[in-house]
Amino acid sequence: QWMLDKGMTFHFGADPKEALTEEQVIDQCRMYIAA
């Protein structure tokens, strides 16, 4: 949400095998916090 509030754009699609999904980004945010 912090990134969204800063104006970053995420290009999402329905099929996780070929498209970016919100779930993938949430896991990346988990990795960021862990790192």
PDB file of all heavy atoms in Angstrom:
ATOM      1  N   GLN A   1       0.832  -1.203   0.000  1.00  0.00           N
ATOM      2  CA  GLN A   1       0.000   0.000   0.000  1.00  0.00           C
ATOM      3  C   GLN A   1       0.870   1.257   0.000  1.00  0.00           C
ATOM      4  O   GLN A   1       0.523   2.265  -0.637  1.00  0.00           O
ATOM      5  CB  GLN A   1      -0.933  -0.003   1.217  1.00  0.00           C
ATOM      6  CG  GLN A   1      -1.953   1.122   1.217  1.00  0.00           C
ATOM      7  CD  GLN A   1      -2.895   1.058   0.028  1.00  0.00           C
ATOM      8  OE1 GLN A   1      -3.467   0.007  -0.277  1.00  0.00           O
ATOM      9  NE2 GLN A   1      -3.062   2.178  -0.673  1.00  0.00           N
ATOM     10  N   TRP A   2       2.009   1.189   0.693  1.00  0.00           N
ATOM     11  CA  TRP A   2       2.943   2.320   0.714  1.00  0.00           C
ATOM     12  C   TRP A   2       3.374   2.670  -0.707  1.00  0.00           C
ATOM     13  O   TRP A   2       3.398   3.844  -1.085  1.00  0.00           O
ATOM     14  CB  TRP A   2       4.143   1.953   1.582  1.00  0.00           C
ATOM     15  CG  TRP A   2       5.130   3.060   1.827  1.00  0.00           C
ATOM     16  CD1 TRP A   2       5.204   3.880   2.919  1.00  0.00           C
ATOM     17  CD2 TRP A   2       6.200   3.478   0.961  1.00  0.00           C
ATOM     18  NE1 TRP A   2       6.243   4.778   2.789  1.00  0.00           N
ATOM     19  CE2 TRP A   2       6.869   4.547   1.596  1.00  0.00           C
ATOM     20  CE3 TRP A   2       6.645   3.054  -0.279  1.00  0.00           C
ATOM     21  CZ2 TRP A   2       7.974   5.189   1.020  1.00  0.00           C
ATOM     22  CZ3 TRP A   2       7.741   3.683  -0.859  1.00  0.00           C
ATOM     23  CH2 TRP A   2       8.392   4.733  -0.212  1.00  0.00           C
ATOM     24  N   MET A   3       3.683   1.650  -1.509  1.00  0.00           N
ATOM     25  CA  MET A   3       4.091   1.901  -2.900  1.00  0.00           C
ATOM     26  C   MET A   3       2.932   2.453  -3.723  1.00  0.00           C
ATOM     27  O   MET A   3       3.121   3.365  -4.535  1.00  0.00           O
ATOM     28  CB  MET A   3       4.644   0.610  -3.515  1.00  0.00           C
ATOM     29  CG  MET A   3       5.999   0.203  -2.962  1.00  0.00           C
ATOM     30  SD  MET A   3       6.734  -1.207  -3.836  1.00  0.00           S
ATOM     31  CE  MET A   3       5.796  -2.556  -3.117  1.00  0.00           C
ATOM     32  N   LEU A   4       1.739   1.916  -3.510  1.00  0.00           N
ATOM     33  CA  LEU A   4       0.573   2.441  -4.224  1.00  0.00           C
ATOM     34  C   LEU A   4       0.342   3.908  -3.873  1.00  0.00           C
ATOM     35  O   LEU A   4       0.040   4.732  -4.752  1.00  0.00           O
ATOM     36  CB  LEU A   4      -0.673   1.621  -3.871  1.00  0.00           C
ATOM     37  CG  LEU A   4      -0.731   0.182  -4.398  1.00  0.00           C
ATOM     38  CD1 LEU A   4      -1.991  -0.503  -3.877  1.00  0.00           C
ATOM     39  CD2 LEU A   4      -0.700   0.151  -5.924  1.00  0.00           C
ATOM     40  N   ASP A   5       0.496   4.247  -2.598  1.00  0.00           N
ATOM     41  CA  ASP A   5       0.293   5.629  -2.160  1.00  0.00           C
ATOM     42  C   ASP A   5       1.322   6.572  -2.779  1.00  0.00           C
ATOM     43  O   ASP A   5       1.053   7.761  -2.959  1.00  0.00           O
ATOM     44  CB  ASP A   5       0.364   5.724  -0.633  1.00  0.00           C
ATOM     45  CG  ASP A   5      -0.812   5.036   0.052  1.00  0.00           C
ATOM     46  OD1 ASP A   5      -1.828   4.771  -0.635  1.00  0.00           O
ATOM     47  OD2 ASP A   5      -0.707   4.743   1.258  1.00  0.00           O
ATOM     48  N   LYS A   6       2.498   6.045  -3.106  1.00  0.00           N
ATOM     49  CA  LYS A   6       3.543   6.840  -3.752  1.00  0.00           C
ATOM     50  C   LYS A   6       3.313   6.974  -5.256  1.00  0.00           C
ATOM     51  O   LYS A   6       4.053   7.690  -5.939  1.00  0.00           O
ATOM     52  CB  LYS A   6       4.920   6.220  -3.502  1.00  0.00           C
ATOM     53  CG  LYS A   6       5.382   6.288  -2.054  1.00  0.00           C
ATOM     54  CD  LYS A   6       5.641   7.729  -1.614  1.00  0.00           C
ATOM     55  CE  LYS A   6       6.124   7.780  -0.170  1.00  0.00           C
ATOM     56  NZ  LYS A   6       6.382   9.178   0.273  1.00  0.00           N
ATOM     57  N   GLY A   7       2.322   6.253  -5.778  1.00  0.00           N
ATOM     58  CA  GLY A   7       1.967   6.399  -7.181  1.00  0.00           C
ATOM     59  C   GLY A   7       2.512   5.341  -8.103  1.00  0.00           C
ATOM     60  O   GLY A   7       2.387   5.462  -9.333  1.00  0.00           O
ATOM     61  N   MET A   8       3.098   4.263  -7.561  1.00  0.00           N
ATOM     62  CA  MET A   8       3.624   3.208  -8.421  1.00  0.00           C
ATOM     63  C   MET A   8       2.480   2.422  -9.057  1.00  0.00           C
ATOM     64  O   MET A   8       1.430   2.201  -8.448  1.00  0.00           O
ATOM     65  CB  MET A   8       4.524   2.268  -7.619  1.00  0.00           C
ATOM     66  CG  MET A   8       5.219   1.222  -8.480  1.00  0.00           C
ATOM     67  SD  MET A   8       6.504   0.353  -7.582  1.00  0.00           S
ATOM     68  CE  MET A   8       6.880  -0.952  -8.757  1.00  0.00           C
ATOM     69  N   THR A   9       2.702   1.985 -10.301  1.00  0.00           N
ATOM     70  CA  THR A   9       1.686   1.255 -11.058  1.00  0.00           C
ATOM     71  C   THR A   9       2.068  -0.215 -11.173  1.00  0.00           C
ATOM     72  O   THR A   9       3.204  -0.546 -11.531  1.00  0.00           O
ATOM     73  CB  THR A   9       1.538   1.841 -12.476  1.00  0.00           C
ATOM     74  OG1 THR A   9       1.172   3.221 -12.372  1.00  0.00           O
ATOM     75  CG2 THR A   9       0.491   1.087 -13.275  1.00  0.00           C
ATOM     76  N   PHE A  10       1.111  -1.092 -10.884  1.00  0.00           N
ATOM     77  CA  PHE A  10       1.305  -2.535 -11.030  1.00  0.00           C
ATOM     78  C   PHE A  10       0.377  -3.033 -12.135  1.00  0.00           C
ATOM     79  O   PHE A  10      -0.824  -2.750 -12.121  1.00  0.00           O
ATOM     80  CB  PHE A  10       1.009  -3.258  -9.719  1.00  0.00           C
ATOM     81  CG  PHE A  10       2.001  -2.969  -8.626  1.00  0.00           C
ATOM     82  CD1 PHE A  10       1.850  -1.847  -7.815  1.00  0.00           C
ATOM     83  CD2 PHE A  10       3.088  -3.807  -8.414  1.00  0.00           C
ATOM     84  CE1 PHE A  10       2.767  -1.568  -6.807  1.00  0.00           C
ATOM     85  CE2 PHE A  10       4.007  -3.531  -7.404  1.00  0.00           C
ATOM     86  CZ  PHE A  10       3.851  -2.413  -6.607  1.00  0.00           C
ATOM     87  N   HIS A  11       0.932  -3.779 -13.079  1.00  0.00           N
ATOM     88  CA  HIS A  11       0.156  -4.285 -14.211  1.00  0.00           C
ATOM     89  C   HIS A  11      -0.231  -5.738 -13.931  1.00  0.00           C
ATOM     90  O   HIS A  11       0.554  -6.663 -14.148  1.00  0.00           O
ATOM     91  CB  HIS A  11       0.978  -4.183 -15.498  1.00  0.00           C
ATOM     92  CG  HIS A  11       1.339  -2.778 -15.856  1.00  0.00           C
ATOM     93  ND1 HIS A  11       0.502  -1.951 -16.587  1.00  0.00           N
ATOM     94  CD2 HIS A  11       2.441  -2.035 -15.564  1.00  0.00           C
ATOM     95  CE1 HIS A  11       1.078  -0.775 -16.746  1.00  0.00           C
ATOM     96  NE2 HIS A  11       2.255  -0.791 -16.134  1.00  0.00           N
ATOM     97  N   PHE A  12      -1.457  -5.919 -13.453  1.00  0.00           N
ATOM     98  CA  PHE A  12      -1.921  -7.237 -13.039  1.00  0.00           C
ATOM     99  C   PHE A  12      -2.718  -7.934 -14.140  1.00  0.00           C
ATOM    100  O   PHE A  12      -3.285  -7.293 -15.034  1.00  0.00           O
ATOM    101  CB  PHE A  12      -2.800  -7.128 -11.789  1.00  0.00           C
ATOM    102  CG  PHE A  12      -2.057  -6.718 -10.547  1.00  0.00           C
ATOM    103  CD1 PHE A  12      -2.531  -5.674  -9.755  1.00  0.00           C
ATOM    104  CD2 PHE A  12      -0.897  -7.372 -10.163  1.00  0.00           C
ATOM    105  CE1 PHE A  12      -1.866  -5.296  -8.603  1.00  0.00           C
ATOM    106  CE2 PHE A  12      -0.220  -7.004  -9.011  1.00  0.00           C
ATOM    107  CZ  PHE A  12      -0.698  -5.960  -8.229  1.00  0.00           C
ATOM    108  N   GLY A  13      -2.740  -9.273 -14.052  1.00  0.00           N
ATOM    109  CA  GLY A  13      -3.548 -10.098 -14.932  1.00  0.00           C
ATOM    110  C   GLY A  13      -4.136 -11.251 -14.139  1.00  0.00           C
ATOM    111  O   GLY A  13      -3.909 -11.380 -12.931  1.00  0.00           O
ATOM    112  N   ALA A  14      -4.881 -12.114 -14.825  1.00  0.00           N
ATOM    113  CA  ALA A  14      -5.604 -13.176 -14.129  1.00  0.00           C
ATOM    114  C   ALA A  14      -4.792 -14.461 -13.969  1.00  0.00           C
ATOM    115  O   ALA A  14      -4.882 -15.134 -12.939  1.00  0.00           O
ATOM    116  CB  ALA A  14      -6.911 -13.478 -14.868  1.00  0.00           C
ATOM    117  N   ASP A  15      -3.994 -14.833 -14.980  1.00  0.00           N
ATOM    118  CA  ASP A  15      -3.303 -16.115 -14.986  1.00  0.00           C
ATOM    119  C   ASP A  15      -1.915 -15.966 -14.366  1.00  0.00           C
ATOM    120  O   ASP A  15      -1.026 -15.359 -14.954  1.00  0.00           O
ATOM    121  CB  ASP A  15      -3.163 -16.627 -16.415  1.00  0.00           C
ATOM    122  CG  ASP A  15      -2.469 -17.972 -16.498  1.00  0.00           C
ATOM    123  OD1 ASP A  15      -2.161 -18.560 -15.433  1.00  0.00           O
ATOM    124  OD2 ASP A  15      -2.207 -18.438 -17.627  1.00  0.00           O
ATOM    125  N   PRO A  16      -1.672 -16.502 -13.163  1.00  0.00           N
ATOM    126  CA  PRO A  16      -0.374 -16.318 -12.499  1.00  0.00           C
ATOM    127  C   PRO A  16       0.794 -16.948 -13.249  1.00  0.00           C
ATOM    128  O   PRO A  16       1.944 -16.589 -13.001  1.00  0.00           O
ATOM    129  CB  PRO A  16      -0.583 -16.984 -11.135  1.00  0.00           C
ATOM    130  CG  PRO A  16      -1.707 -17.946 -11.333  1.00  0.00           C
ATOM    131  CD  PRO A  16      -2.594 -17.313 -12.361  1.00  0.00           C
ATOM    132  N   LYS A  17       0.502 -17.878 -14.165  1.00  0.00           N
ATOM    133  CA  LYS A  17       1.589 -18.496 -14.931  1.00  0.00           C
ATOM    134  C   LYS A  17       2.174 -17.548 -15.972  1.00  0.00           C
ATOM    135  O   LYS A  17       3.318 -17.733 -16.407  1.00  0.00           O
ATOM    136  CB  LYS A  17       1.084 -19.773 -15.609  1.00  0.00           C
ATOM    137  CG  LYS A  17       0.762 -20.895 -14.632  1.00  0.00           C
ATOM    138  CD  LYS A  17       0.327 -22.161 -15.368  1.00  0.00           C
ATOM    139  CE  LYS A  17       0.030 -23.282 -14.386  1.00  0.00           C
ATOM    140  NZ  LYS A  17      -0.407 -24.530 -15.093  1.00  0.00           N
ATOM    141  N   GLU A  18       1.399 -16.563 -16.367  1.00  0.00           N
ATOM    142  CA  GLU A  18       1.867 -15.633 -17.391  1.00  0.00           C
ATOM    143  C   GLU A  18       1.723 -14.169 -16.990  1.00  0.00           C
ATOM    144  O   GLU A  18       2.362 -13.301 -17.584  1.00  0.00           O
ATOM    145  CB  GLU A  18       1.101 -15.863 -18.698  1.00  0.00           C
ATOM    146  CG  GLU A  18       1.330 -17.230 -19.322  1.00  0.00           C
ATOM    147  CD  GLU A  18       2.774 -17.442 -19.766  1.00  0.00           C
ATOM    148  OE1 GLU A  18       3.468 -16.445 -20.053  1.00  0.00           O
ATOM    149  OE2 GLU A  18       3.218 -18.613 -19.817  1.00  0.00           O
ATOM    150  N   ALA A  19       0.910 -13.880 -15.995  1.00  0.00           N
ATOM    151  CA  ALA A  19       0.628 -12.499 -15.617  1.00  0.00           C
ATOM    152  C   ALA A  19       1.041 -12.230 -14.175  1.00  0.00           C
ATOM    153  O   ALA A  19       1.127 -13.144 -13.347  1.00  0.00           O
ATOM    154  CB  ALA A  19      -0.863 -12.202 -15.795  1.00  0.00           C
ATOM    155  N   LEU A  20       1.294 -10.963 -13.892  1.00  0.00           N
ATOM    156  CA  LEU A  20       1.576 -10.543 -12.529  1.00  0.00           C
ATOM    157  C   LEU A  20       0.277 -10.530 -11.727  1.00  0.00           C
ATOM    158  O   LEU A  20      -0.756 -10.076 -12.224  1.00  0.00           O
ATOM    159  CB  LEU A  20       2.199  -9.152 -12.530  1.00  0.00           C
ATOM    160  CG  LEU A  20       2.596  -8.577 -11.170  1.00  0.00           C
ATOM    161  CD1 LEU A  20       3.705  -9.398 -10.527  1.00  0.00           C
ATOM    162  CD2 LEU A  20       3.036  -7.112 -11.318  1.00  0.00           C
ATOM    163  N   THR A  21       0.331 -11.048 -10.506  1.00  0.00           N
ATOM    164  CA  THR A  21      -0.837 -11.032  -9.631  1.00  0.00           C
ATOM    165  C   THR A  21      -0.491 -10.314  -8.337  1.00  0.00           C
ATOM    166  O   THR A  21       0.674 -10.206  -7.949  1.00  0.00           O
ATOM    167  CB  THR A  21      -1.315 -12.459  -9.312  1.00  0.00           C
ATOM    168  OG1 THR A  21      -0.289 -13.138  -8.562  1.00  0.00           O
ATOM    169  CG2 THR A  21      -1.617 -13.233 -10.595  1.00  0.00           C
ATOM    170  N   GLU A  22      -1.519  -9.850  -7.670  1.00  0.00           N
ATOM    171  CA  GLU A  22      -1.308  -9.176  -6.385  1.00  0.00           C
ATOM    172  C   GLU A  22      -0.657 -10.124  -5.384  1.00  0.00           C
ATOM    173  O   GLU A  22       0.188  -9.715  -4.579  1.00  0.00           O
ATOM    174  CB  GLU A  22      -2.631  -8.647  -5.853  1.00  0.00           C
ATOM    175  CG  GLU A  22      -2.485  -7.775  -4.619  1.00  0.00           C
ATOM    176  CD  GLU A  22      -3.804  -7.210  -4.143  1.00  0.00           C
ATOM    177  OE1 GLU A  22      -4.473  -7.886  -3.316  1.00  0.00           O
ATOM    178  OE2 GLU A  22      -4.166  -6.110  -4.595  1.00  0.00           O
ATOM    179  N   GLU A  23      -1.019 -11.386  -5.426  1.00  0.00           N
ATOM    180  CA  GLU A  23      -0.437 -12.362  -4.502  1.00  0.00           C
ATOM    181  C   GLU A  23       1.079 -12.455  -4.672  1.00  0.00           C
ATOM    182  O   GLU A  23       1.828 -12.566  -3.695  1.00  0.00           O
ATOM    183  CB  GLU A  23      -1.075 -13.738  -4.733  1.00  0.00           C
ATOM    184  CG  GLU A  23      -0.580 -14.805  -3.763  1.00  0.00           C
ATOM    185  CD  GLU A  23      -1.219 -16.168  -4.013  1.00  0.00           C
ATOM    186  OE1 GLU A  23      -1.980 -16.291  -4.995  1.00  0.00           O
ATOM    187  OE2 GLU A  23      -0.943 -17.096  -3.232  1.00  0.00           O
ATOM    188  N   GLN A  24       1.547 -12.411  -5.922  1.00  0.00           N
ATOM    189  CA  GLN A  24       2.990 -12.444  -6.161  1.00  0.00           C
ATOM    190  C   GLN A  24       3.669 -11.224  -5.527  1.00  0.00           C
ATOM    191  O   GLN A  24       4.734 -11.334  -4.903  1.00  0.00           O
ATOM    192  CB  GLN A  24       3.276 -12.477  -7.663  1.00  0.00           C
ATOM    193  CG  GLN A  24       2.856 -13.762  -8.357  1.00  0.00           C
ATOM    194  CD  GLN A  24       2.901 -13.638  -9.868  1.00  0.00           C
ATOM    195  OE1 GLN A  24       3.533 -12.737 -10.417  1.00  0.00           O
ATOM    196  NE2 GLN A  24       2.215 -14.550 -10.568  1.00  0.00           N
ATOM    197  N   VAL A  25       3.059 -10.058  -5.690  1.00  0.00           N
ATOM    198  CA  VAL A  25       3.649  -8.831  -5.138  1.00  0.00           C
ATOM    199  C   VAL A  25       3.636  -8.870  -3.611  1.00  0.00           C
ATOM    200  O   VAL A  25       4.596  -8.428  -2.965  1.00  0.00           O
ATOM    201  CB  VAL A  25       2.899  -7.592  -5.668  1.00  0.00           C
ATOM    202  CG1 VAL A  25       3.394  -6.322  -4.978  1.00  0.00           C
ATOM    203  CG2 VAL A  25       3.067  -7.481  -7.176  1.00  0.00           C
ATOM    204  N   ILE A  26       2.590  -9.408  -3.021  1.00  0.00           N
ATOM    205  CA  ILE A  26       2.546  -9.520  -1.555  1.00  0.00           C
ATOM    206  C   ILE A  26       3.688 -10.406  -1.060  1.00  0.00           C
ATOM    207  O   ILE A  26       4.356 -10.087  -0.059  1.00  0.00           O
ATOM    208  CB  ILE A  26       1.181 -10.083  -1.087  1.00  0.00           C
ATOM    209  CG1 ILE A  26       0.053  -9.099  -1.430  1.00  0.00           C
ATOM    210  CG2 ILE A  26       1.199 -10.376   0.408  1.00  0.00           C
ATOM    211  CD1 ILE A  26       0.229  -7.714  -0.862  1.00  0.00           C
ATOM    212  N   ASP A  27       3.964 -11.506  -1.761  1.00  0.00           N
ATOM    213  CA  ASP A  27       5.096 -12.352  -1.374  1.00  0.00           C
ATOM    214  C   ASP A  27       6.426 -11.618  -1.555  1.00  0.00           C
ATOM    215  O   ASP A  27       7.361 -11.803  -0.772  1.00  0.00           O
ATOM    216  CB  ASP A  27       5.102 -13.649  -2.192  1.00  0.00           C
ATOM    217  CG  ASP A  27       4.209 -14.727  -1.593  1.00  0.00           C
ATOM    218  OD1 ASP A  27       3.808 -14.582  -0.415  1.00  0.00           O
ATOM    219  OD2 ASP A  27       3.905 -15.712  -2.296  1.00  0.00           O
ATOM    220  N   GLN A  28       6.528 -10.775  -2.589  1.00  0.00           N
ATOM    221  CA  GLN A  28       7.743  -9.973  -2.749  1.00  0.00           C
ATOM    222  C   GLN A  28       7.897  -8.977  -1.604  1.00  0.00           C
ATOM    223  O   GLN A  28       9.018  -8.743  -1.127  1.00  0.00           O
ATOM    224  CB  GLN A  28       7.702  -9.232  -4.093  1.00  0.00           C
ATOM    225  CG  GLN A  28       7.886 -10.150  -5.305  1.00  0.00           C
ATOM    226  CD  GLN A  28       7.845  -9.384  -6.609  1.00  0.00           C
ATOM    227  OE1 GLN A  28       6.823  -8.789  -6.943  1.00  0.00           O
ATOM    228  NE2 GLN A  28       8.955  -9.384  -7.337  1.00  0.00           N
ATOM    229  N   CYS A  29       6.794  -8.413  -1.142  1.00  0.00           N
ATOM    230  CA  CYS A  29       6.860  -7.504   0.001  1.00  0.00           C
ATOM    231  C   CYS A  29       7.259  -8.253   1.266  1.00  0.00           C
ATOM    232  O   CYS A  29       7.975  -7.703   2.128  1.00  0.00           O
ATOM    233  CB  CYS A  29       5.525  -6.788   0.190  1.00  0.00           C
ATOM    234  SG  CYS A  29       5.158  -5.575  -1.115  1.00  0.00           S
ATOM    235  N   ARG A  30       6.813  -9.483   1.390  1.00  0.00           N
ATOM    236  CA  ARG A  30       7.271 -10.315   2.510  1.00  0.00           C
ATOM    237  C   ARG A  30       8.793 -10.497   2.447  1.00  0.00           C
ATOM    238  O   ARG A  30       9.492 -10.391   3.458  1.00  0.00           O
ATOM    239  CB  ARG A  30       6.590 -11.693   2.462  1.00  0.00           C
ATOM    240  CG  ARG A  30       5.156 -11.752   2.947  1.00  0.00           C
ATOM    241  CD  ARG A  30       4.733 -13.204   3.113  1.00  0.00           C
ATOM    242  NE  ARG A  30       3.433 -13.331   3.741  1.00  0.00           N
ATOM    243  CZ  ARG A  30       2.296 -13.574   3.090  1.00  0.00           C
ATOM    244  NH1 ARG A  30       2.314 -13.702   1.764  1.00  0.00           N
ATOM    245  NH2 ARG A  30       1.158 -13.685   3.743  1.00  0.00           N
ATOM    246  N   MET A  31       9.293 -10.789   1.245  1.00  0.00           N
ATOM    247  CA  MET A  31      10.733 -10.988   1.092  1.00  0.00           C
ATOM    248  C   MET A  31      11.496  -9.710   1.413  1.00  0.00           C
ATOM    249  O   MET A  31      12.564  -9.754   2.043  1.00  0.00           O
ATOM    250  CB  MET A  31      11.074 -11.462  -0.319  1.00  0.00           C
ATOM    251  CG  MET A  31      12.539 -11.909  -0.458  1.00  0.00           C
ATOM    252  SD  MET A  31      13.095 -12.098  -2.171  1.00  0.00           S
ATOM    253  CE  MET A  31      12.029 -13.420  -2.738  1.00  0.00           C
ATOM    254  N   TYR A  32      10.975  -8.587   0.985  1.00  0.00           N
ATOM    255  CA  TYR A  32      11.600  -7.297   1.290  1.00  0.00           C
ATOM    256  C   TYR A  32      11.734  -7.099   2.799  1.00  0.00           C
ATOM    257  O   TYR A  32      12.812  -6.753   3.316  1.00  0.00           O
ATOM    258  CB  TYR A  32      10.784  -6.174   0.662  1.00  0.00           C
ATOM    259  CG  TYR A  32      11.044  -4.803   1.237  1.00  0.00           C
ATOM    260  CD1 TYR A  32      12.221  -4.121   0.942  1.00  0.00           C
ATOM    261  CD2 TYR A  32      10.110  -4.197   2.088  1.00  0.00           C
ATOM    262  CE1 TYR A  32      12.467  -2.857   1.480  1.00  0.00           C
ATOM    263  CE2 TYR A  32      10.343  -2.939   2.621  1.00  0.00           C
ATOM    264  CZ  TYR A  32      11.520  -2.272   2.323  1.00  0.00           C
ATOM    265  OH  TYR A  32      11.762  -1.038   2.857  1.00  0.00           O
ATOM    266  N   ILE A  33      10.660  -7.305   3.510  1.00  0.00           N
ATOM    267  CA  ILE A  33      10.677  -7.125   4.966  1.00  0.00           C
ATOM    268  C   ILE A  33      11.644  -8.107   5.612  1.00  0.00           C
ATOM    269  O   ILE A  33      12.434  -7.745   6.505  1.00  0.00           O
ATOM    270  CB  ILE A  33       9.253  -7.285   5.533  1.00  0.00           C
ATOM    271  CG1 ILE A  33       8.369  -6.140   5.035  1.00  0.00           C
ATOM    272  CG2 ILE A  33       9.258  -7.351   7.058  1.00  0.00           C
ATOM    273  CD1 ILE A  33       6.878  -6.358   5.249  1.00  0.00           C
ATOM    274  N   ALA A  34      11.621  -9.360   5.167  1.00  0.00           N
ATOM    275  CA  ALA A  34      12.525 -10.369   5.713  1.00  0.00           C
ATOM    276  C   ALA A  34      13.988  -9.998   5.456  1.00  0.00           C
ATOM    277  O   ALA A  34      14.842 -10.144   6.336  1.00  0.00           O
ATOM    278  CB  ALA A  34      12.217 -11.732   5.095  1.00  0.00           C
ATOM    279  N   ALA A  35      14.285  -9.497   4.256  1.00  0.00           N
ATOM    280  CA  ALA A  35      15.661  -9.132   3.912  1.00  0.00           C
ATOM    281  C   ALA A  35      16.156  -7.978   4.777  1.00  0.00           C
ATOM    282  O   ALA A  35      17.305  -7.985   5.243  1.00  0.00           O
ATOM    283  CB  ALA A  35      15.741  -8.759   2.431  1.00  0.00           C
TER     284      ALA A  35
END
